[in-house]
N, C-alpha and C. Protein backbone atom coordinates (compact mmCIF):
# COMPACT_ATOMS: atom_id res chain seq x y z
N UNK A 1 118.31 83.27 104.60
CA UNK A 1 117.45 82.34 103.87
C UNK A 1 118.27 81.68 102.77
N UNK A 2 118.23 80.37 102.69
CA UNK A 2 118.96 79.64 101.67
C UNK A 2 118.06 79.41 100.47
N UNK A 3 118.55 79.81 99.30
CA UNK A 3 117.82 79.57 98.06
C UNK A 3 118.69 78.75 97.12
N UNK A 4 118.10 77.75 96.51
CA UNK A 4 118.79 77.01 95.46
C UNK A 4 118.53 77.75 94.17
N UNK A 5 119.57 78.01 93.40
CA UNK A 5 119.45 78.81 92.19
C UNK A 5 119.83 77.97 90.98
N UNK A 6 119.01 78.08 89.93
CA UNK A 6 119.29 77.41 88.66
C UNK A 6 119.13 78.42 87.53
N UNK A 7 119.68 78.06 86.39
CA UNK A 7 119.67 78.96 85.24
C UNK A 7 119.23 78.18 84.00
N UNK A 8 118.22 78.72 83.30
CA UNK A 8 117.78 78.06 82.08
C UNK A 8 118.79 78.31 80.97
N UNK A 9 118.77 77.46 79.98
CA UNK A 9 119.66 77.61 78.82
C UNK A 9 119.41 78.94 78.13
N UNK A 10 118.13 79.31 77.98
CA UNK A 10 117.80 80.59 77.34
C UNK A 10 118.35 81.77 78.14
N UNK A 11 118.31 81.69 79.46
CA UNK A 11 118.86 82.75 80.28
C UNK A 11 120.35 82.92 80.01
N UNK A 12 121.07 81.82 79.96
CA UNK A 12 122.51 81.89 79.71
C UNK A 12 122.82 82.40 78.31
N UNK A 13 122.00 82.02 77.33
CA UNK A 13 122.18 82.54 75.98
C UNK A 13 121.89 84.04 75.93
N UNK A 14 120.82 84.45 76.61
CA UNK A 14 120.50 85.89 76.68
C UNK A 14 121.66 86.66 77.31
N UNK A 15 122.23 86.10 78.37
CA UNK A 15 123.32 86.76 79.07
C UNK A 15 124.51 86.98 78.14
N UNK A 16 124.85 85.98 77.36
CA UNK A 16 125.99 86.10 76.45
C UNK A 16 125.74 87.06 75.30
N UNK A 17 124.48 87.35 75.01
CA UNK A 17 124.15 88.26 73.92
C UNK A 17 124.14 89.73 74.34
N UNK A 18 124.26 89.98 75.62
CA UNK A 18 124.25 91.36 76.11
C UNK A 18 125.53 92.09 75.72
N UNK A 19 125.43 93.42 75.63
CA UNK A 19 126.63 94.23 75.42
C UNK A 19 127.55 94.03 76.63
N UNK A 20 128.82 94.31 76.47
CA UNK A 20 129.81 94.07 77.54
C UNK A 20 129.45 94.75 78.86
N UNK A 21 129.08 96.05 78.87
CA UNK A 21 128.74 96.67 80.16
C UNK A 21 127.50 96.04 80.80
N UNK A 22 126.49 95.73 79.98
CA UNK A 22 125.27 95.12 80.51
C UNK A 22 125.56 93.71 81.02
N UNK A 23 126.37 92.97 80.28
CA UNK A 23 126.75 91.62 80.70
C UNK A 23 127.39 91.66 82.08
N UNK A 24 128.33 92.59 82.26
CA UNK A 24 129.03 92.69 83.53
C UNK A 24 128.06 93.01 84.67
N UNK A 25 127.16 93.95 84.44
CA UNK A 25 126.21 94.35 85.48
C UNK A 25 125.27 93.20 85.85
N UNK A 26 124.69 92.55 84.84
CA UNK A 26 123.76 91.45 85.10
C UNK A 26 124.49 90.27 85.73
N UNK A 27 125.67 89.94 85.21
CA UNK A 27 126.46 88.82 85.75
C UNK A 27 126.76 89.03 87.23
N UNK A 28 127.25 90.22 87.58
CA UNK A 28 127.57 90.51 88.98
C UNK A 28 126.35 90.42 89.87
N UNK A 29 125.21 90.92 89.38
CA UNK A 29 124.02 90.88 90.20
C UNK A 29 123.53 89.44 90.40
N UNK A 30 123.40 88.71 89.30
CA UNK A 30 122.81 87.36 89.36
C UNK A 30 123.69 86.37 90.12
N UNK A 31 124.99 86.42 89.88
CA UNK A 31 125.87 85.41 90.47
C UNK A 31 126.49 85.81 91.80
N UNK A 32 126.52 87.11 92.12
CA UNK A 32 127.15 87.53 93.37
C UNK A 32 126.21 88.24 94.33
N UNK A 33 125.42 89.19 93.85
CA UNK A 33 124.55 89.95 94.75
C UNK A 33 123.25 89.21 95.07
N UNK A 34 122.67 88.54 94.09
CA UNK A 34 121.41 87.83 94.33
C UNK A 34 121.52 86.81 95.46
N UNK A 35 122.57 85.97 95.49
CA UNK A 35 122.64 84.99 96.59
C UNK A 35 122.71 85.62 97.97
N UNK A 36 123.06 86.89 98.06
CA UNK A 36 123.17 87.56 99.35
C UNK A 36 121.86 88.20 99.81
N UNK A 37 120.85 88.21 98.95
CA UNK A 37 119.55 88.78 99.33
C UNK A 37 118.90 87.94 100.42
N UNK A 38 118.23 88.61 101.31
CA UNK A 38 117.52 87.90 102.38
C UNK A 38 116.14 87.44 101.96
N UNK A 39 115.53 88.20 101.03
CA UNK A 39 114.17 87.88 100.60
C UNK A 39 114.04 88.15 99.11
N UNK A 40 113.22 87.37 98.44
CA UNK A 40 112.94 87.58 97.02
C UNK A 40 112.32 88.97 96.82
N UNK A 41 111.54 89.41 97.78
CA UNK A 41 110.87 90.70 97.68
C UNK A 41 111.84 91.88 97.62
N UNK A 42 113.11 91.64 97.92
CA UNK A 42 114.13 92.69 97.86
C UNK A 42 114.63 92.94 96.43
N UNK A 43 114.19 92.15 95.47
CA UNK A 43 114.60 92.36 94.08
C UNK A 43 114.01 93.67 93.57
N UNK A 44 114.76 94.40 92.73
CA UNK A 44 114.28 95.70 92.24
C UNK A 44 113.05 95.57 91.34
N UNK A 45 112.00 96.28 91.70
CA UNK A 45 110.75 96.31 90.92
C UNK A 45 110.19 94.92 90.63
N UNK A 46 110.20 94.06 91.63
CA UNK A 46 109.67 92.71 91.48
C UNK A 46 108.17 92.75 91.21
N UNK A 47 107.73 92.03 90.18
CA UNK A 47 106.31 91.95 89.82
C UNK A 47 105.95 90.51 89.47
N UNK A 48 104.78 90.09 89.91
CA UNK A 48 104.27 88.78 89.54
C UNK A 48 103.78 88.84 88.10
N UNK A 49 104.07 87.80 87.32
CA UNK A 49 103.63 87.75 85.93
C UNK A 49 102.26 87.09 85.86
N UNK A 50 101.31 87.80 85.32
CA UNK A 50 99.95 87.29 85.12
C UNK A 50 99.38 86.80 86.44
N UNK A 51 98.63 85.73 86.39
CA UNK A 51 98.00 85.21 87.60
C UNK A 51 98.78 84.03 88.18
N UNK A 52 99.88 83.68 87.56
CA UNK A 52 100.67 82.55 88.03
C UNK A 52 101.40 82.91 89.32
N UNK A 53 101.32 82.06 90.32
CA UNK A 53 101.98 82.37 91.58
C UNK A 53 103.48 82.05 91.59
N UNK A 54 104.03 81.51 90.49
CA UNK A 54 105.44 81.13 90.50
C UNK A 54 106.32 81.94 89.54
N UNK A 55 105.73 82.70 88.63
CA UNK A 55 106.51 83.45 87.66
C UNK A 55 106.54 84.93 88.00
N UNK A 56 107.76 85.48 88.03
CA UNK A 56 107.97 86.88 88.38
C UNK A 56 108.97 87.51 87.43
N UNK A 57 109.02 88.83 87.46
CA UNK A 57 110.06 89.54 86.73
C UNK A 57 110.51 90.69 87.60
N UNK A 58 111.78 91.06 87.40
CA UNK A 58 112.29 92.25 88.07
C UNK A 58 113.13 93.02 87.07
N UNK A 59 113.39 94.27 87.39
CA UNK A 59 114.12 95.15 86.49
C UNK A 59 115.54 95.31 86.97
N UNK A 60 116.45 95.23 86.01
CA UNK A 60 117.86 95.45 86.29
C UNK A 60 118.40 96.33 85.18
N UNK A 61 118.61 97.59 85.48
CA UNK A 61 118.99 98.60 84.48
C UNK A 61 117.93 98.64 83.38
N UNK A 62 118.30 98.40 82.13
CA UNK A 62 117.35 98.45 81.02
C UNK A 62 116.84 97.07 80.63
N UNK A 63 116.85 96.13 81.57
CA UNK A 63 116.47 94.75 81.26
C UNK A 63 115.44 94.23 82.25
N UNK A 64 114.59 93.36 81.74
CA UNK A 64 113.65 92.61 82.57
C UNK A 64 114.23 91.21 82.73
N UNK A 65 114.28 90.74 83.96
CA UNK A 65 114.79 89.40 84.24
C UNK A 65 113.61 88.58 84.74
N UNK A 66 113.31 87.48 84.03
CA UNK A 66 112.20 86.61 84.40
C UNK A 66 112.73 85.46 85.26
N UNK A 67 112.00 85.18 86.34
CA UNK A 67 112.38 84.08 87.23
C UNK A 67 111.16 83.22 87.55
N UNK A 68 111.45 82.00 87.94
CA UNK A 68 110.43 81.07 88.43
C UNK A 68 110.79 80.76 89.87
N UNK A 69 109.84 80.93 90.77
CA UNK A 69 110.09 80.71 92.19
C UNK A 69 109.18 79.59 92.68
N UNK A 70 109.80 78.51 93.12
CA UNK A 70 109.06 77.37 93.65
C UNK A 70 109.69 76.99 94.99
N UNK A 71 109.07 77.41 96.06
CA UNK A 71 109.64 77.15 97.39
C UNK A 71 110.98 77.85 97.52
N UNK A 72 112.03 77.08 97.79
CA UNK A 72 113.37 77.64 97.95
C UNK A 72 114.19 77.52 96.66
N UNK A 73 113.53 77.21 95.56
CA UNK A 73 114.20 77.10 94.26
C UNK A 73 113.86 78.31 93.40
N UNK A 74 114.89 79.00 92.92
CA UNK A 74 114.72 80.13 92.02
C UNK A 74 115.42 79.78 90.72
N UNK A 75 114.67 79.83 89.63
CA UNK A 75 115.25 79.54 88.32
C UNK A 75 115.19 80.80 87.47
N UNK A 76 116.35 81.25 87.01
CA UNK A 76 116.42 82.40 86.12
C UNK A 76 116.05 81.92 84.72
N UNK A 77 115.03 82.56 84.12
CA UNK A 77 114.48 82.10 82.85
C UNK A 77 114.95 82.89 81.64
N UNK A 78 114.87 84.21 81.69
CA UNK A 78 115.19 85.06 80.53
C UNK A 78 115.71 86.41 80.98
N UNK A 79 116.45 87.06 80.07
CA UNK A 79 116.83 88.46 80.21
C UNK A 79 116.36 89.12 78.92
N UNK A 80 115.48 90.11 79.06
CA UNK A 80 114.95 90.78 77.87
C UNK A 80 115.06 92.29 78.05
N UNK A 81 115.32 93.01 76.96
CA UNK A 81 115.36 94.46 77.08
C UNK A 81 113.98 94.99 77.46
N UNK A 82 113.96 96.05 78.26
CA UNK A 82 112.67 96.65 78.58
C UNK A 82 112.05 97.16 77.28
N UNK A 83 110.74 97.23 77.21
CA UNK A 83 110.10 97.70 75.97
C UNK A 83 110.67 99.03 75.51
N UNK A 84 111.00 99.09 74.24
CA UNK A 84 111.54 100.29 73.66
C UNK A 84 113.05 100.40 73.75
N UNK A 85 113.70 99.42 74.37
CA UNK A 85 115.16 99.45 74.50
C UNK A 85 115.71 98.17 73.90
N UNK A 86 116.59 98.26 72.89
CA UNK A 86 117.19 97.08 72.29
C UNK A 86 118.69 97.16 72.40
N UNK A 87 119.25 96.50 73.40
CA UNK A 87 120.69 96.60 73.63
C UNK A 87 121.41 95.27 73.52
N UNK A 88 120.80 94.26 72.96
CA UNK A 88 121.47 92.98 72.81
C UNK A 88 122.30 93.00 71.53
N UNK A 89 123.45 92.36 71.60
CA UNK A 89 124.30 92.26 70.41
C UNK A 89 123.66 91.29 69.44
N UNK A 90 123.78 91.56 68.15
CA UNK A 90 123.29 90.60 67.18
C UNK A 90 124.35 89.52 67.01
N UNK A 91 123.86 88.32 66.78
CA UNK A 91 124.85 87.40 66.55
C UNK A 91 124.92 86.05 66.74
């Protein structure tokens, strides 16, 4: 399945604020492993956000990754620490 992937400015800013090990893990997943997935449903702990049919989140280590899915377009929106976990660098 071919998916067109885009990245919001906030997603890229969130990515750069991660600690070095977390940055590496998220970077490798988003830019290398994600394009190899056959289905969106294969994302770890994928959940629909609210009642909107286009907004989802999945878990990657101690982070929630928010995405927007519209047909074959997937836009990465945010990376946020899971509740109770604060691992972003200040700065």
